[in-house]
Amino acid sequence: MAMMLDESEASDAELIGRAKGGDRGAFSTLLERHYDFVYRAAYRWCGRKADAEDIAQEVCVRLGKAIRDYRGGGAFTTWLYSVTMNAARDMMRKTARETVKTEAYGVHALISGEASAEPEDPAEALWAAVRQLPDKQRDAVLLVYGEGLSHAAAAEAMAISETTVSWHIHEAKKRLKTLMRSAGEV
């Protein structure tokens, strides 16, 4: 009788290999192990709990097919971050019209005095400003400061050079300073 590995003790590499072979238990364990990472990255990207949950669920669905394409050249979480960001961008494109409607309602609420113009929490104000950055700058900031990745790991996730990540971070800091100053936070 062959001894089965306890899935909770198996490494990501073992689980990935088994998942590629069709082992649903290994795939499930891999999802459970990394779901919080996916949700956290999605939340930092979009700033809304419901949207982050939708993105995380979409990533789980996509991973069913995408896991077969994982080559293992880098860290699994780096690859998973790329899948998460692609799902977030796709969701953003799909919901662009709804966002316009929501923002129009927000303007109406501000005019009628039903809503606050600024987030109460300074950290949330900063993340809201980060979400206003151009895509590459936002992704670099989210990876480096939100997820604590090195510039090299962020470069791998973004499929760009490390110096380009550093440049995006530098430009993002300049832009964030301007955004925060105009919001009265700096």
C-alpha atoms as a PDB file:
ATOM      1  CA  MET A   1       0.000   0.000   0.000  1.00  0.00           C
ATOM      2  CA  ALA A   2       1.556   3.285  -1.111  1.00  0.00           C
ATOM      3  CA  MET A   3       1.867   6.006   1.485  1.00  0.00           C
ATOM      4  CA  MET A   4       0.008   9.166   0.462  1.00  0.00           C
ATOM      5  CA  LEU A   5       1.459  12.574   1.248  1.00  0.00           C
ATOM      6  CA  ASP A   6      -0.562  14.632   3.659  1.00  0.00           C
ATOM      7  CA  GLU A   7      -1.667  17.511   1.417  1.00  0.00           C
ATOM      8  CA  SER A   8      -1.302  20.082   4.175  1.00  0.00           C
ATOM      9  CA  GLU A   9       2.387  19.159   4.489  1.00  0.00           C
ATOM     10  CA  ALA A  10       3.144  18.902   0.770  1.00  0.00           C
ATOM     11  CA  SER A  11       5.175  21.671  -0.841  1.00  0.00           C
ATOM     12  CA  ASP A  12       3.674  23.958  -3.454  1.00  0.00           C
ATOM     13  CA  ALA A  13       5.782  22.253  -6.115  1.00  0.00           C
ATOM     14  CA  GLU A  14       4.400  18.828  -5.159  1.00  0.00           C
ATOM     15  CA  LEU A  15       0.840  20.127  -5.101  1.00  0.00           C
ATOM     16  CA  ILE A  16       1.278  21.848  -8.459  1.00  0.00           C
ATOM     17  CA  GLY A  17       2.644  18.683 -10.016  1.00  0.00           C
ATOM     18  CA  ARG A  18      -0.237  16.639  -8.676  1.00  0.00           C
ATOM     19  CA  ALA A  19      -2.795  19.296  -9.677  1.00  0.00           C
ATOM     20  CA  LYS A  20      -1.418  19.314 -13.226  1.00  0.00           C
ATOM     21  CA  GLY A  21      -2.041  15.570 -13.231  1.00  0.00           C
ATOM     22  CA  GLY A  22      -5.684  16.080 -12.308  1.00  0.00           C
ATOM     23  CA  ASP A  23      -5.534  15.608  -8.519  1.00  0.00           C
ATOM     24  CA  ARG A  24      -8.458  17.715  -7.307  1.00  0.00           C
ATOM     25  CA  GLY A  25      -7.455  17.405  -3.661  1.00  0.00           C
ATOM     26  CA  ALA A  26      -4.009  18.834  -4.384  1.00  0.00           C
ATOM     27  CA  PHE A  27      -5.568  21.652  -6.414  1.00  0.00           C
ATOM     28  CA  SER A  28      -7.994  22.410  -3.588  1.00  0.00           C
ATOM     29  CA  THR A  29      -5.177  22.495  -1.029  1.00  0.00           C
ATOM     30  CA  LEU A  30      -3.167  24.819  -3.264  1.00  0.00           C
ATOM     31  CA  LEU A  31      -6.150  27.169  -3.560  1.00  0.00           C
ATOM     32  CA  GLU A  32      -6.783  27.135   0.188  1.00  0.00           C
ATOM     33  CA  ARG A  33      -3.123  27.844   0.870  1.00  0.00           C
ATOM     34  CA  HIS A  34      -2.969  30.873  -1.437  1.00  0.00           C
ATOM     35  CA  TYR A  35      -6.512  32.261  -1.398  1.00  0.00           C
ATOM     36  CA  ASP A  36      -5.695  34.949   1.196  1.00  0.00           C
ATOM     37  CA  PHE A  37      -2.751  36.111  -0.935  1.00  0.00           C
ATOM     38  CA  VAL A  38      -4.992  36.392  -4.016  1.00  0.00           C
ATOM     39  CA  TYR A  39      -7.730  38.214  -2.099  1.00  0.00           C
ATOM     40  CA  ARG A  40      -5.254  40.625  -0.478  1.00  0.00           C
ATOM     41  CA  ALA A  41      -3.638  41.473  -3.826  1.00  0.00           C
ATOM     42  CA  ALA A  42      -7.053  41.943  -5.450  1.00  0.00           C
ATOM     43  CA  TYR A  43      -8.245  44.145  -2.589  1.00  0.00           C
ATOM     44  CA  ARG A  44      -5.203  46.376  -2.782  1.00  0.00           C
ATOM     45  CA  TRP A  45      -5.694  46.644  -6.512  1.00  0.00           C
ATOM     46  CA  CYS A  46      -9.387  47.580  -6.457  1.00  0.00           C
ATOM     47  CA  GLY A  47     -10.034  48.804  -2.900  1.00  0.00           C
ATOM     48  CA  ARG A  48     -13.474  47.248  -2.575  1.00  0.00           C
ATOM     49  CA  LYS A  49     -14.246  44.066  -0.652  1.00  0.00           C
ATOM     50  CA  ALA A  50     -16.956  42.803  -2.997  1.00  0.00           C
ATOM     51  CA  ASP A  51     -14.814  43.375  -6.094  1.00  0.00           C
ATOM     52  CA  ALA A  52     -11.816  41.721  -4.437  1.00  0.00           C
ATOM     53  CA  GLU A  53     -13.959  38.688  -3.627  1.00  0.00           C
ATOM     54  CA  ASP A  54     -15.164  38.541  -7.240  1.00  0.00           C
ATOM     55  CA  ILE A  55     -11.607  38.793  -8.539  1.00  0.00           C
ATOM     56  CA  ALA A  56     -10.390  36.100  -6.141  1.00  0.00           C
ATOM     57  CA  GLN A  57     -13.195  33.781  -7.242  1.00  0.00           C
ATOM     58  CA  GLU A  58     -12.377  34.463 -10.893  1.00  0.00           C
ATOM     59  CA  VAL A  59      -8.718  33.607 -10.213  1.00  0.00           C
ATOM     60  CA  CYS A  60      -9.781  30.318  -8.615  1.00  0.00           C
ATOM     61  CA  VAL A  61     -11.794  29.466 -11.727  1.00  0.00           C
ATOM     62  CA  ARG A  62      -8.974  30.486 -14.085  1.00  0.00           C
ATOM     63  CA  LEU A  63      -6.417  28.463 -12.167  1.00  0.00           C
ATOM     64  CA  GLY A  64      -8.232  25.272 -13.106  1.00  0.00           C
ATOM     65  CA  LYS A  65      -6.921  25.654 -16.652  1.00  0.00           C
ATOM     66  CA  ALA A  66      -3.947  27.934 -16.063  1.00  0.00           C
ATOM     67  CA  ILE A  67      -2.182  25.606 -13.611  1.00  0.00           C
ATOM     68  CA  ARG A  68      -1.278  23.380 -16.554  1.00  0.00           C
ATOM     69  CA  ASP A  69       0.678  26.290 -18.074  1.00  0.00           C
ATOM     70  CA  TYR A  70       2.709  27.040 -14.955  1.00  0.00           C
ATOM     71  CA  ARG A  71       6.334  26.264 -15.820  1.00  0.00           C
ATOM     72  CA  GLY A  72       7.878  26.668 -12.390  1.00  0.00           C
ATOM     73  CA  GLY A  73      10.629  29.070 -13.473  1.00  0.00           C
ATOM     74  CA  GLY A  74       9.899  31.456 -10.614  1.00  0.00           C
ATOM     75  CA  ALA A  75       8.007  31.531  -7.386  1.00  0.00           C
ATOM     76  CA  PHE A  76       4.427  30.280  -7.625  1.00  0.00           C
ATOM     77  CA  THR A  77       3.154  33.393  -5.840  1.00  0.00           C
ATOM     78  CA  THR A  78       4.820  35.621  -8.451  1.00  0.00           C
ATOM     79  CA  TRP A  79       3.012  33.766 -11.221  1.00  0.00           C
ATOM     80  CA  LEU A  80      -0.196  33.762  -9.160  1.00  0.00           C
ATOM     81  CA  TYR A  81       0.092  37.524  -8.709  1.00  0.00           C
ATOM     82  CA  SER A  82       0.244  37.948 -12.488  1.00  0.00           C
ATOM     83  CA  VAL A  83      -2.881  35.813 -12.903  1.00  0.00           C
ATOM     84  CA  THR A  84      -4.604  37.902 -10.207  1.00  0.00           C
ATOM     85  CA  MET A  85      -3.660  41.209 -11.818  1.00  0.00           C
ATOM     86  CA  ASN A  86      -4.878  40.009 -15.218  1.00  0.00           C
ATOM     87  CA  ALA A  87      -8.204  38.992 -13.671  1.00  0.00           C
ATOM     88  CA  ALA A  88      -8.438  42.384 -11.947  1.00  0.00           C
ATOM     89  CA  ARG A  89      -7.764  44.246 -15.185  1.00  0.00           C
ATOM     90  CA  ASP A  90     -10.318  42.133 -17.018  1.00  0.00           C
ATOM     91  CA  MET A  91     -12.909  42.893 -14.347  1.00  0.00           C
ATOM     92  CA  MET A  92     -12.078  46.587 -14.559  1.00  0.00           C
ATOM     93  CA  ARG A  93     -12.690  46.565 -18.306  1.00  0.00           C
ATOM     94  CA  LYS A  94     -15.987  44.707 -17.893  1.00  0.00           C
ATOM     95  CA  THR A  95     -17.284  47.054 -15.223  1.00  0.00           C
ATOM     96  CA  ALA A  96     -16.111  50.369 -16.679  1.00  0.00           C
ATOM     97  CA  ARG A  97     -19.655  51.456 -17.524  1.00  0.00           C
ATOM     98  CA  GLU A  98     -20.931  50.575 -14.052  1.00  0.00           C
ATOM     99  CA  THR A  99     -18.086  52.562 -12.511  1.00  0.00           C
ATOM    100  CA  VAL A 100     -19.153  55.647 -14.444  1.00  0.00           C
ATOM    101  CA  LYS A 101     -22.690  55.245 -13.068  1.00  0.00           C
ATOM    102  CA  THR A 102     -21.383  54.733  -9.534  1.00  0.00           C
ATOM    103  CA  GLU A 103     -19.157  57.790  -9.739  1.00  0.00           C
ATOM    104  CA  ALA A 104     -22.071  59.854 -11.031  1.00  0.00           C
ATOM    105  CA  TYR A 105     -24.080  58.762  -8.006  1.00  0.00           C
ATOM    106  CA  GLY A 106     -21.114  59.620  -5.769  1.00  0.00           C
ATOM    107  CA  VAL A 107     -20.995  63.145  -7.182  1.00  0.00           C
ATOM    108  CA  HIS A 108     -24.720  63.464  -6.599  1.00  0.00           C
ATOM    109  CA  ALA A 109     -24.293  62.220  -3.006  1.00  0.00           C
ATOM    110  CA  LEU A 110     -21.480  64.722  -2.383  1.00  0.00           C
ATOM    111  CA  ILE A 111     -23.572  67.580  -3.749  1.00  0.00           C
ATOM    112  CA  SER A 112     -26.544  66.609  -1.623  1.00  0.00           C
ATOM    113  CA  GLY A 113     -24.314  66.153   1.449  1.00  0.00           C
ATOM    114  CA  GLU A 114     -24.946  62.421   1.829  1.00  0.00           C
ATOM    115  CA  ALA A 115     -21.317  61.299   1.514  1.00  0.00           C
ATOM    116  CA  SER A 116     -17.896  62.243   2.789  1.00  0.00           C
ATOM    117  CA  ALA A 117     -15.510  63.669   0.192  1.00  0.00           C
ATOM    118  CA  GLU A 118     -12.425  61.982   1.638  1.00  0.00           C
ATOM    119  CA  PRO A 119     -11.673  58.633   3.245  1.00  0.00           C
ATOM    120  CA  GLU A 120     -11.402  58.915   7.026  1.00  0.00           C
ATOM    121  CA  ASP A 121      -8.321  56.692   7.321  1.00  0.00           C
ATOM    122  CA  PRO A 122      -5.062  58.238   5.993  1.00  0.00           C
ATOM    123  CA  ALA A 123      -3.830  54.794   4.929  1.00  0.00           C
ATOM    124  CA  GLU A 124      -7.008  54.238   2.915  1.00  0.00           C
ATOM    125  CA  ALA A 125      -6.573  57.678   1.375  1.00  0.00           C
ATOM    126  CA  LEU A 126      -3.080  56.653   0.280  1.00  0.00           C
ATOM    127  CA  TRP A 127      -4.290  53.346  -1.210  1.00  0.00           C
ATOM    128  CA  ALA A 128      -7.098  55.228  -2.962  1.00  0.00           C
ATOM    129  CA  ALA A 129      -4.433  57.482  -4.488  1.00  0.00           C
ATOM    130  CA  VAL A 130      -2.375  54.420  -5.486  1.00  0.00           C
ATOM    131  CA  ARG A 131      -5.418  53.088  -7.350  1.00  0.00           C
ATOM    132  CA  GLN A 132      -5.434  56.314  -9.411  1.00  0.00           C
ATOM    133  CA  LEU A 133      -1.909  55.700 -10.731  1.00  0.00           C
ATOM    134  CA  PRO A 134      -1.273  54.432 -14.264  1.00  0.00           C
ATOM    135  CA  ASP A 135      -1.348  50.623 -14.480  1.00  0.00           C
ATOM    136  CA  LYS A 136       2.393  49.898 -14.402  1.00  0.00           C
ATOM    137  CA  GLN A 137       3.066  52.358 -11.577  1.00  0.00           C
ATOM    138  CA  ARG A 138       0.128  51.015  -9.569  1.00  0.00           C
ATOM    139  CA  ASP A 139       1.228  47.408 -10.076  1.00  0.00           C
ATOM    140  CA  ALA A 140       4.809  48.202  -9.059  1.00  0.00           C
ATOM    141  CA  VAL A 141       3.658  49.963  -5.873  1.00  0.00           C
ATOM    142  CA  LEU A 142       1.214  47.171  -5.012  1.00  0.00           C
ATOM    143  CA  LEU A 143       3.865  44.506  -5.468  1.00  0.00           C
ATOM    144  CA  VAL A 144       6.697  46.279  -3.663  1.00  0.00           C
ATOM    145  CA  TYR A 145       4.846  48.065  -0.874  1.00  0.00           C
ATOM    146  CA  GLY A 146       1.582  46.143  -0.699  1.00  0.00           C
ATOM    147  CA  GLU A 147       2.997  42.636  -0.990  1.00  0.00           C
ATOM    148  CA  GLY A 148       6.529  43.314   0.236  1.00  0.00           C
ATOM    149  CA  LEU A 149       8.233  41.891  -2.852  1.00  0.00           C
ATOM    150  CA  SER A 150      11.718  42.932  -3.849  1.00  0.00           C
ATOM    151  CA  HIS A 151      12.140  44.968  -7.028  1.00  0.00           C
ATOM    152  CA  ALA A 152      13.521  41.820  -8.691  1.00  0.00           C
ATOM    153  CA  ALA A 153      10.485  39.719  -7.743  1.00  0.00           C
ATOM    154  CA  ALA A 154       8.139  42.517  -8.825  1.00  0.00           C
ATOM    155  CA  ALA A 155       9.981  42.698 -12.146  1.00  0.00           C
ATOM    156  CA  GLU A 156       9.435  38.986 -12.652  1.00  0.00           C
ATOM    157  CA  ALA A 157       5.710  39.295 -11.862  1.00  0.00           C
ATOM    158  CA  MET A 158       5.322  42.257 -14.205  1.00  0.00           C
ATOM    159  CA  ALA A 159       7.538  40.744 -16.927  1.00  0.00           C
ATOM    160  CA  ILE A 160       9.763  43.840 -17.041  1.00  0.00           C
ATOM    161  CA  SER A 161      13.303  44.646 -15.919  1.00  0.00           C
ATOM    162  CA  GLU A 162      14.190  45.441 -12.326  1.00  0.00           C
ATOM    163  CA  THR A 163      15.346  48.938 -13.277  1.00  0.00           C
ATOM    164  CA  THR A 164      11.993  49.570 -14.940  1.00  0.00           C
ATOM    165  CA  VAL A 165      10.242  48.596 -11.695  1.00  0.00           C
ATOM    166  CA  SER A 166      12.475  51.050  -9.840  1.00  0.00           C
ATOM    167  CA  TRP A 167      11.606  53.763 -12.348  1.00  0.00           C
ATOM    168  CA  HIS A 168       7.871  53.044 -11.990  1.00  0.00           C
ATOM    169  CA  ILE A 169       8.214  53.259  -8.184  1.00  0.00           C
ATOM    170  CA  HIS A 170      10.085  56.555  -8.483  1.00  0.00           C
ATOM    171  CA  GLU A 171       7.458  58.033 -10.825  1.00  0.00           C
ATOM    172  CA  ALA A 172       4.648  56.708  -8.632  1.00  0.00           C
ATOM    173  CA  LYS A 173       6.124  58.398  -5.560  1.00  0.00           C
ATOM    174  CA  LYS A 174       6.241  61.731  -7.386  1.00  0.00           C
ATOM    175  CA  ARG A 175       2.682  61.337  -8.609  1.00  0.00           C
ATOM    176  CA  LEU A 176       1.428  60.163  -5.196  1.00  0.00           C
ATOM    177  CA  LYS A 177       2.988  63.170  -3.531  1.00  0.00           C
ATOM    178  CA  THR A 178       1.070  65.415  -5.921  1.00  0.00           C
ATOM    179  CA  LEU A 179      -2.171  63.459  -5.476  1.00  0.00           C
ATOM    180  CA  MET A 180      -1.910  63.448  -1.692  1.00  0.00           C
ATOM    181  CA  ARG A 181      -1.018  67.140  -1.590  1.00  0.00           C
ATOM    182  CA  SER A 182      -4.066  68.001  -3.720  1.00  0.00           C
ATOM    183  CA  ALA A 183      -6.205  65.878  -1.400  1.00  0.00           C
ATOM    184  CA  GLY A 184      -4.810  67.783   1.580  1.00  0.00           C
ATOM    185  CA  GLU A 185      -3.099  64.717   3.082  1.00  0.00           C
ATOM    186  CA  VAL A 186       0.541  65.839   2.858  1.00  0.00           C
END
